[in-house]
Full PDB file with SEQRES, HELIX, SHEET, SSBOND, CRYST1, ORIGX, SCALE, CONECT and MASTER records, all heavy atoms in Angstrom:
SEQRES   1 A   29  ALA LYS GLU ALA ILE GLY ARG ALA CYS ALA ALA LEU ILE          
SEQRES   2 A   29  PRO ASP ASN SER SER LEU ILE LEU ASN ILE GLY THR THR          
SEQRES   3 A   29  THR GLU ALA                                                  
HELIX    1 AA1 LYS A    2  ALA A   10  1                                   9    
HELIX    2 AA2 THR A   25  GLU A   28  1                                   4    
CRYST1    1.000    1.000    1.000  90.00  90.00  90.00 P 1           1          
ORIGX1      1.000000  0.000000  0.000000        0.00000                         
ORIGX2      0.000000  1.000000  0.000000        0.00000                         
ORIGX3      0.000000  0.000000  1.000000        0.00000                         
SCALE1      1.000000  0.000000  0.000000        0.00000                         
SCALE2      0.000000  1.000000  0.000000        0.00000                         
SCALE3      0.000000  0.000000  1.000000        0.00000                         
ATOM      1  N   ALA A   1      -4.302  -7.811  -9.000  1.00  0.00           N  
ATOM      2  CA  ALA A   1      -4.670  -8.360  -7.738  1.00  0.00           C  
ATOM      3  C   ALA A   1      -4.944  -7.207  -6.721  1.00  0.00           C  
ATOM      4  O   ALA A   1      -5.924  -7.369  -5.960  1.00  0.00           O  
ATOM      5  CB  ALA A   1      -3.573  -9.265  -7.174  1.00  0.00           C  
ATOM      6  N   LYS A   2      -4.064  -6.231  -6.690  1.00  0.00           N  
ATOM      7  CA  LYS A   2      -4.296  -5.062  -5.756  1.00  0.00           C  
ATOM      8  C   LYS A   2      -5.536  -4.355  -6.048  1.00  0.00           C  
ATOM      9  O   LYS A   2      -6.250  -3.910  -5.055  1.00  0.00           O  
ATOM     10  CB  LYS A   2      -3.081  -4.123  -5.899  1.00  0.00           C  
ATOM     11  CG  LYS A   2      -1.813  -4.845  -5.296  1.00  0.00           C  
ATOM     12  CD  LYS A   2      -0.642  -3.890  -5.609  1.00  0.00           C  
ATOM     13  CE  LYS A   2       0.693  -4.565  -5.121  1.00  0.00           C  
ATOM     14  NZ  LYS A   2       1.895  -3.764  -5.404  1.00  0.00           N  
ATOM     15  N   GLU A   3      -5.865  -4.174  -7.264  1.00  0.00           N  
ATOM     16  CA  GLU A   3      -7.161  -3.494  -7.644  1.00  0.00           C  
ATOM     17  C   GLU A   3      -8.388  -4.270  -7.200  1.00  0.00           C  
ATOM     18  O   GLU A   3      -9.300  -3.701  -6.640  1.00  0.00           O  
ATOM     19  CB  GLU A   3      -7.205  -3.271  -9.166  1.00  0.00           C  
ATOM     20  CG  GLU A   3      -6.283  -2.138  -9.597  1.00  0.00           C  
ATOM     21  CD  GLU A   3      -6.121  -2.052 -11.112  1.00  0.00           C  
ATOM     22  OE1 GLU A   3      -6.917  -2.803 -11.818  1.00  0.00           O  
ATOM     23  OE2 GLU A   3      -5.391  -1.220 -11.597  1.00  0.00           O  
ATOM     24  N   ALA A   4      -8.301  -5.598  -7.339  1.00  0.00           N  
ATOM     25  CA  ALA A   4      -9.382  -6.459  -6.875  1.00  0.00           C  
ATOM     26  C   ALA A   4      -9.494  -6.466  -5.336  1.00  0.00           C  
ATOM     27  O   ALA A   4     -10.602  -6.435  -4.858  1.00  0.00           O  
ATOM     28  CB  ALA A   4      -9.131  -7.873  -7.407  1.00  0.00           C  
ATOM     29  N   ILE A   5      -8.449  -6.490  -4.751  1.00  0.00           N  
ATOM     30  CA  ILE A   5      -8.403  -6.429  -3.224  1.00  0.00           C  
ATOM     31  C   ILE A   5      -8.964  -5.102  -2.753  1.00  0.00           C  
ATOM     32  O   ILE A   5      -9.692  -5.025  -1.828  1.00  0.00           O  
ATOM     33  CB  ILE A   5      -6.912  -6.638  -2.696  1.00  0.00           C  
ATOM     34  CG1 ILE A   5      -6.473  -8.071  -2.980  1.00  0.00           C  
ATOM     35  CG2 ILE A   5      -6.847  -6.247  -1.219  1.00  0.00           C  
ATOM     36  CD1 ILE A   5      -5.036  -8.272  -2.782  1.00  0.00           C  
ATOM     37  N   GLY A   6      -8.560  -3.947  -3.481  1.00  0.00           N  
ATOM     38  CA  GLY A   6      -9.057  -2.728  -3.055  1.00  0.00           C  
ATOM     39  C   GLY A   6     -10.615  -2.609  -3.189  1.00  0.00           C  
ATOM     40  O   GLY A   6     -11.294  -2.128  -2.268  1.00  0.00           O  
ATOM     41  N   ARG A   7     -11.150  -3.227  -4.248  1.00  0.00           N  
ATOM     42  CA  ARG A   7     -12.593  -3.189  -4.430  1.00  0.00           C  
ATOM     43  C   ARG A   7     -13.318  -4.030  -3.291  1.00  0.00           C  
ATOM     44  O   ARG A   7     -14.308  -3.650  -2.787  1.00  0.00           O  
ATOM     45  CB  ARG A   7     -12.974  -3.674  -5.776  1.00  0.00           C  
ATOM     46  CG  ARG A   7     -12.559  -2.771  -6.949  1.00  0.00           C  
ATOM     47  CD  ARG A   7     -13.234  -3.168  -8.251  1.00  0.00           C  
ATOM     48  NE  ARG A   7     -12.710  -4.465  -8.662  1.00  0.00           N  
ATOM     49  CZ  ARG A   7     -11.670  -4.615  -9.455  1.00  0.00           C  
ATOM     50  NH1 ARG A   7     -10.950  -3.575  -9.898  1.00  0.00           N  
ATOM     51  NH2 ARG A   7     -11.326  -5.791  -9.867  1.00  0.00           N  
ATOM     52  N   ALA A   8     -12.677  -5.227  -3.065  1.00  0.00           N  
ATOM     53  CA  ALA A   8     -13.304  -6.067  -1.985  1.00  0.00           C  
ATOM     54  C   ALA A   8     -13.225  -5.496  -0.690  1.00  0.00           C  
ATOM     55  O   ALA A   8     -14.209  -5.593   0.126  1.00  0.00           O  
ATOM     56  CB  ALA A   8     -12.618  -7.451  -2.089  1.00  0.00           C  
ATOM     57  N   CYS A   9     -12.102  -4.807  -0.372  1.00  0.00           N  
ATOM     58  CA  CYS A   9     -12.061  -4.103   0.944  1.00  0.00           C  
ATOM     59  C   CYS A   9     -12.995  -2.937   1.055  1.00  0.00           C  
ATOM     60  O   CYS A   9     -13.617  -2.769   2.029  1.00  0.00           O  
ATOM     61  CB  CYS A   9     -10.566  -3.673   1.139  1.00  0.00           C  
ATOM     62  SG  CYS A   9     -10.321  -2.875   2.781  1.00  0.00           S  
ATOM     63  N   ALA A  10     -13.101  -2.168  -0.010  1.00  0.00           N  
ATOM     64  CA  ALA A  10     -13.941  -1.001   0.022  1.00  0.00           C  
ATOM     65  C   ALA A  10     -15.373  -1.437   0.205  1.00  0.00           C  
ATOM     66  O   ALA A  10     -16.151  -0.737   0.817  1.00  0.00           O  
ATOM     67  CB  ALA A  10     -13.879  -0.223  -1.335  1.00  0.00           C  
ATOM     68  N   ALA A  11     -15.765  -2.626  -0.265  1.00  0.00           N  
ATOM     69  CA  ALA A  11     -17.180  -3.180  -0.080  1.00  0.00           C  
ATOM     70  C   ALA A  11     -17.420  -3.404   1.394  1.00  0.00           C  
ATOM     71  O   ALA A  11     -18.682  -3.479   1.791  1.00  0.00           O  
ATOM     72  CB  ALA A  11     -17.323  -4.399  -0.933  1.00  0.00           C  
ATOM     73  N   LEU A  12     -16.438  -3.581   2.210  1.00  0.00           N  
ATOM     74  CA  LEU A  12     -16.659  -3.833   3.644  1.00  0.00           C  
ATOM     75  C   LEU A  12     -16.816  -2.556   4.404  1.00  0.00           C  
ATOM     76  O   LEU A  12     -17.231  -2.610   5.613  1.00  0.00           O  
ATOM     77  CB  LEU A  12     -15.480  -4.568   4.250  1.00  0.00           C  
ATOM     78  CG  LEU A  12     -15.104  -5.944   3.571  1.00  0.00           C  
ATOM     79  CD1 LEU A  12     -13.814  -6.411   4.172  1.00  0.00           C  
ATOM     80  CD2 LEU A  12     -16.187  -6.948   3.680  1.00  0.00           C  
ATOM     81  N   ILE A  13     -16.581  -1.413   3.793  1.00  0.00           N  
ATOM     82  CA  ILE A  13     -16.598  -0.088   4.498  1.00  0.00           C  
ATOM     83  C   ILE A  13     -17.825   0.675   4.008  1.00  0.00           C  
ATOM     84  O   ILE A  13     -17.886   1.131   2.850  1.00  0.00           O  
ATOM     85  CB  ILE A  13     -15.313   0.636   4.165  1.00  0.00           C  
ATOM     86  CG1 ILE A  13     -14.147  -0.158   4.786  1.00  0.00           C  
ATOM     87  CG2 ILE A  13     -15.303   2.018   4.836  1.00  0.00           C  
ATOM     88  CD1 ILE A  13     -12.784   0.364   4.346  1.00  0.00           C  
ATOM     89  N   PRO A  14     -18.780   0.919   4.965  1.00  0.00           N  
ATOM     90  CA  PRO A  14     -19.982   1.693   4.528  1.00  0.00           C  
ATOM     91  C   PRO A  14     -19.725   3.202   4.432  1.00  0.00           C  
ATOM     92  O   PRO A  14     -18.658   3.664   5.053  1.00  0.00           O  
ATOM     93  CB  PRO A  14     -20.951   1.331   5.622  1.00  0.00           C  
ATOM     94  CG  PRO A  14     -20.173   1.004   6.815  1.00  0.00           C  
ATOM     95  CD  PRO A  14     -18.851   0.407   6.290  1.00  0.00           C  
ATOM     96  N   ASP A  15     -20.668   3.780   3.772  1.00  0.00           N  
ATOM     97  CA  ASP A  15     -20.597   5.371   3.864  1.00  0.00           C  
ATOM     98  C   ASP A  15     -20.751   5.800   5.264  1.00  0.00           C  
ATOM     99  O   ASP A  15     -21.178   5.040   6.209  1.00  0.00           O  
ATOM    100  CB  ASP A  15     -21.670   5.887   3.049  1.00  0.00           C  
ATOM    101  CG  ASP A  15     -21.563   5.702   1.558  1.00  0.00           C  
ATOM    102  OD1 ASP A  15     -20.473   5.416   1.071  1.00  0.00           O  
ATOM    103  OD2 ASP A  15     -22.597   5.787   0.788  1.00  0.00           O  
ATOM    104  N   ASN A  16     -20.309   7.059   5.574  1.00  0.00           N  
ATOM    105  CA  ASN A  16     -20.395   7.654   6.917  1.00  0.00           C  
ATOM    106  C   ASN A  16     -19.548   6.861   7.967  1.00  0.00           C  
ATOM    107  O   ASN A  16     -19.848   6.814   9.096  1.00  0.00           O  
ATOM    108  CB  ASN A  16     -21.868   7.589   7.350  1.00  0.00           C  
ATOM    109  CG  ASN A  16     -22.745   8.346   6.448  1.00  0.00           C  
ATOM    110  OD1 ASN A  16     -22.612   9.550   6.206  1.00  0.00           O  
ATOM    111  ND2 ASN A  16     -23.746   7.625   5.759  1.00  0.00           N  
ATOM    112  N   SER A  17     -18.418   6.354   7.428  1.00  0.00           N  
ATOM    113  CA  SER A  17     -17.482   5.724   8.312  1.00  0.00           C  
ATOM    114  C   SER A  17     -16.190   6.483   8.528  1.00  0.00           C  
ATOM    115  O   SER A  17     -15.959   7.359   7.784  1.00  0.00           O  
ATOM    116  CB  SER A  17     -17.057   4.319   7.735  1.00  0.00           C  
ATOM    117  OG  SER A  17     -18.211   3.427   7.617  1.00  0.00           O  
ATOM    118  N   SER A  18     -15.419   6.107   9.548  1.00  0.00           N  
ATOM    119  CA  SER A  18     -14.166   6.668   9.821  1.00  0.00           C  
ATOM    120  C   SER A  18     -13.128   5.445   9.683  1.00  0.00           C  
ATOM    121  O   SER A  18     -13.433   4.373  10.091  1.00  0.00           O  
ATOM    122  CB  SER A  18     -14.063   7.335  11.247  1.00  0.00           C  
ATOM    123  OG  SER A  18     -14.362   6.390  12.268  1.00  0.00           O  
ATOM    124  N   LEU A  19     -11.991   5.787   9.164  1.00  0.00           N  
ATOM    125  CA  LEU A  19     -10.962   4.758   9.021  1.00  0.00           C  
ATOM    126  C   LEU A  19      -9.566   5.374   8.936  1.00  0.00           C  
ATOM    127  O   LEU A  19      -9.364   6.458   8.713  1.00  0.00           O  
ATOM    128  CB  LEU A  19     -11.253   3.854   7.727  1.00  0.00           C  
ATOM    129  CG  LEU A  19     -11.149   4.586   6.394  1.00  0.00           C  
ATOM    130  CD1 LEU A  19     -10.649   3.559   5.335  1.00  0.00           C  
ATOM    131  CD2 LEU A  19     -12.590   5.171   6.031  1.00  0.00           C  
ATOM    132  N   ILE A  20      -8.625   4.442   9.211  1.00  0.00           N  
ATOM    133  CA  ILE A  20      -7.185   4.833   9.017  1.00  0.00           C  
ATOM    134  C   ILE A  20      -6.564   3.825   7.943  1.00  0.00           C  
ATOM    135  O   ILE A  20      -6.776   2.640   7.992  1.00  0.00           O  
ATOM    136  CB  ILE A  20      -6.385   4.656  10.324  1.00  0.00           C  
ATOM    137  CG1 ILE A  20      -6.968   5.538  11.464  1.00  0.00           C  
ATOM    138  CG2 ILE A  20      -4.884   5.056  10.088  1.00  0.00           C  
ATOM    139  CD1 ILE A  20      -6.280   5.335  12.800  1.00  0.00           C  
ATOM    140  N   LEU A  21      -5.909   4.477   7.022  1.00  0.00           N  
ATOM    141  CA  LEU A  21      -5.160   3.700   5.899  1.00  0.00           C  
ATOM    142  C   LEU A  21      -3.709   3.965   6.161  1.00  0.00           C  
ATOM    143  O   LEU A  21      -3.182   5.082   6.236  1.00  0.00           O  
ATOM    144  CB  LEU A  21      -5.581   4.218   4.560  1.00  0.00           C  
ATOM    145  CG  LEU A  21      -6.990   3.757   4.040  1.00  0.00           C  
ATOM    146  CD1 LEU A  21      -7.360   4.549   2.837  1.00  0.00           C  
ATOM    147  CD2 LEU A  21      -7.127   2.272   3.883  1.00  0.00           C  
ATOM    148  N   ASN A  22      -2.890   2.811   6.150  1.00  0.00           N  
ATOM    149  CA  ASN A  22      -1.417   3.068   6.338  1.00  0.00           C  
ATOM    150  C   ASN A  22      -0.718   3.015   5.050  1.00  0.00           C  
ATOM    151  O   ASN A  22      -1.260   3.124   3.977  1.00  0.00           O  
ATOM    152  CB  ASN A  22      -0.941   2.033   7.408  1.00  0.00           C  
ATOM    153  CG  ASN A  22      -0.638   0.608   6.797  1.00  0.00           C  
ATOM    154  OD1 ASN A  22      -1.191   0.192   5.752  1.00  0.00           O  
ATOM    155  ND2 ASN A  22       0.307  -0.154   7.471  1.00  0.00           N  
ATOM    156  N   ILE A  23       0.645   2.854   5.152  1.00  0.00           N  
ATOM    157  CA  ILE A  23       1.475   2.943   4.084  1.00  0.00           C  
ATOM    158  C   ILE A  23       1.421   1.703   3.174  1.00  0.00           C  
ATOM    159  O   ILE A  23       1.285   0.556   3.714  1.00  0.00           O  
ATOM    160  CB  ILE A  23       2.947   3.154   4.496  1.00  0.00           C  
ATOM    161  CG1 ILE A  23       3.058   4.335   5.374  1.00  0.00           C  
ATOM    162  CG2 ILE A  23       3.952   3.138   3.354  1.00  0.00           C  
ATOM    163  CD1 ILE A  23       4.389   4.453   6.151  1.00  0.00           C  
ATOM    164  N   GLY A  24       1.459   1.808   1.940  1.00  0.00           N  
ATOM    165  CA  GLY A  24       1.536   0.635   1.001  1.00  0.00           C  
ATOM    166  C   GLY A  24       0.792   0.856  -0.239  1.00  0.00           C  
ATOM    167  O   GLY A  24      -0.120   1.643  -0.390  1.00  0.00           O  
ATOM    168  N   THR A  25       1.280   0.136  -1.326  1.00  0.00           N  
ATOM    169  CA  THR A  25       0.568   0.158  -2.605  1.00  0.00           C  
ATOM    170  C   THR A  25      -0.743  -0.496  -2.622  1.00  0.00           C  
ATOM    171  O   THR A  25      -1.637  -0.091  -3.373  1.00  0.00           O  
ATOM    172  CB  THR A  25       1.534  -0.499  -3.716  1.00  0.00           C  
ATOM    173  OG1 THR A  25       1.765  -1.842  -3.273  1.00  0.00           O  
ATOM    174  CG2 THR A  25       2.880   0.329  -3.810  1.00  0.00           C  
ATOM    175  N   THR A  26      -1.008  -1.471  -1.760  1.00  0.00           N  
ATOM    176  CA  THR A  26      -2.309  -2.096  -1.666  1.00  0.00           C  
ATOM    177  C   THR A  26      -3.380  -1.238  -0.946  1.00  0.00           C  
ATOM    178  O   THR A  26      -4.455  -1.104  -1.368  1.00  0.00           O  
ATOM    179  CB  THR A  26      -2.241  -3.461  -1.004  1.00  0.00           C  
ATOM    180  OG1 THR A  26      -1.208  -4.219  -1.550  1.00  0.00           O  
ATOM    181  CG2 THR A  26      -3.577  -4.276  -1.168  1.00  0.00           C  
ATOM    182  N   THR A  27      -2.864  -0.520   0.077  1.00  0.00           N  
ATOM    183  CA  THR A  27      -3.798   0.459   0.710  1.00  0.00           C  
ATOM    184  C   THR A  27      -4.076   1.592  -0.290  1.00  0.00           C  
ATOM    185  O   THR A  27      -5.219   2.175  -0.174  1.00  0.00           O  
ATOM    186  CB  THR A  27      -3.196   0.899   2.025  1.00  0.00           C  
ATOM    187  OG1 THR A  27      -1.916   1.533   1.843  1.00  0.00           O  
ATOM    188  CG2 THR A  27      -3.182  -0.134   3.112  1.00  0.00           C  
ATOM    189  N   GLU A  28      -3.226   1.933  -1.092  1.00  0.00           N  
ATOM    190  CA  GLU A  28      -3.542   2.944  -2.077  1.00  0.00           C  
ATOM    191  C   GLU A  28      -4.599   2.481  -3.128  1.00  0.00           C  
ATOM    192  O   GLU A  28      -5.480   3.286  -3.485  1.00  0.00           O  
ATOM    193  CB  GLU A  28      -2.320   3.312  -2.937  1.00  0.00           C  
ATOM    194  CG  GLU A  28      -1.263   4.109  -2.132  1.00  0.00           C  
ATOM    195  CD  GLU A  28       0.038   4.339  -2.811  1.00  0.00           C  
ATOM    196  OE1 GLU A  28       0.004   4.277  -4.032  1.00  0.00           O  
ATOM    197  OE2 GLU A  28       1.119   4.443  -2.111  1.00  0.00           O  
ATOM    198  N   ALA A  29      -4.605   1.203  -3.407  1.00  0.00           N  
ATOM    199  CA  ALA A  29      -5.713   0.617  -4.159  1.00  0.00           C  
ATOM    200  C   ALA A  29      -7.046   0.674  -3.484  1.00  0.00           C  
ATOM    201  O   ALA A  29      -7.992   0.924  -4.003  1.00  0.00           O  
ATOM    202  CB  ALA A  29      -5.348  -0.830  -4.549  1.00  0.00           C  
TER     203      ALA A  29                                                      
MASTER        0    0    0    2    0    0    0    6  202    1    0    3          
END                                                                             
């Protein structure tokens, strides 16, 4: 589930972006 969530979230983030990722095993995905 975490890997699928990671892919779906990454699809929302375009190249040339800035972001903050916090603590957690899902944010690691």
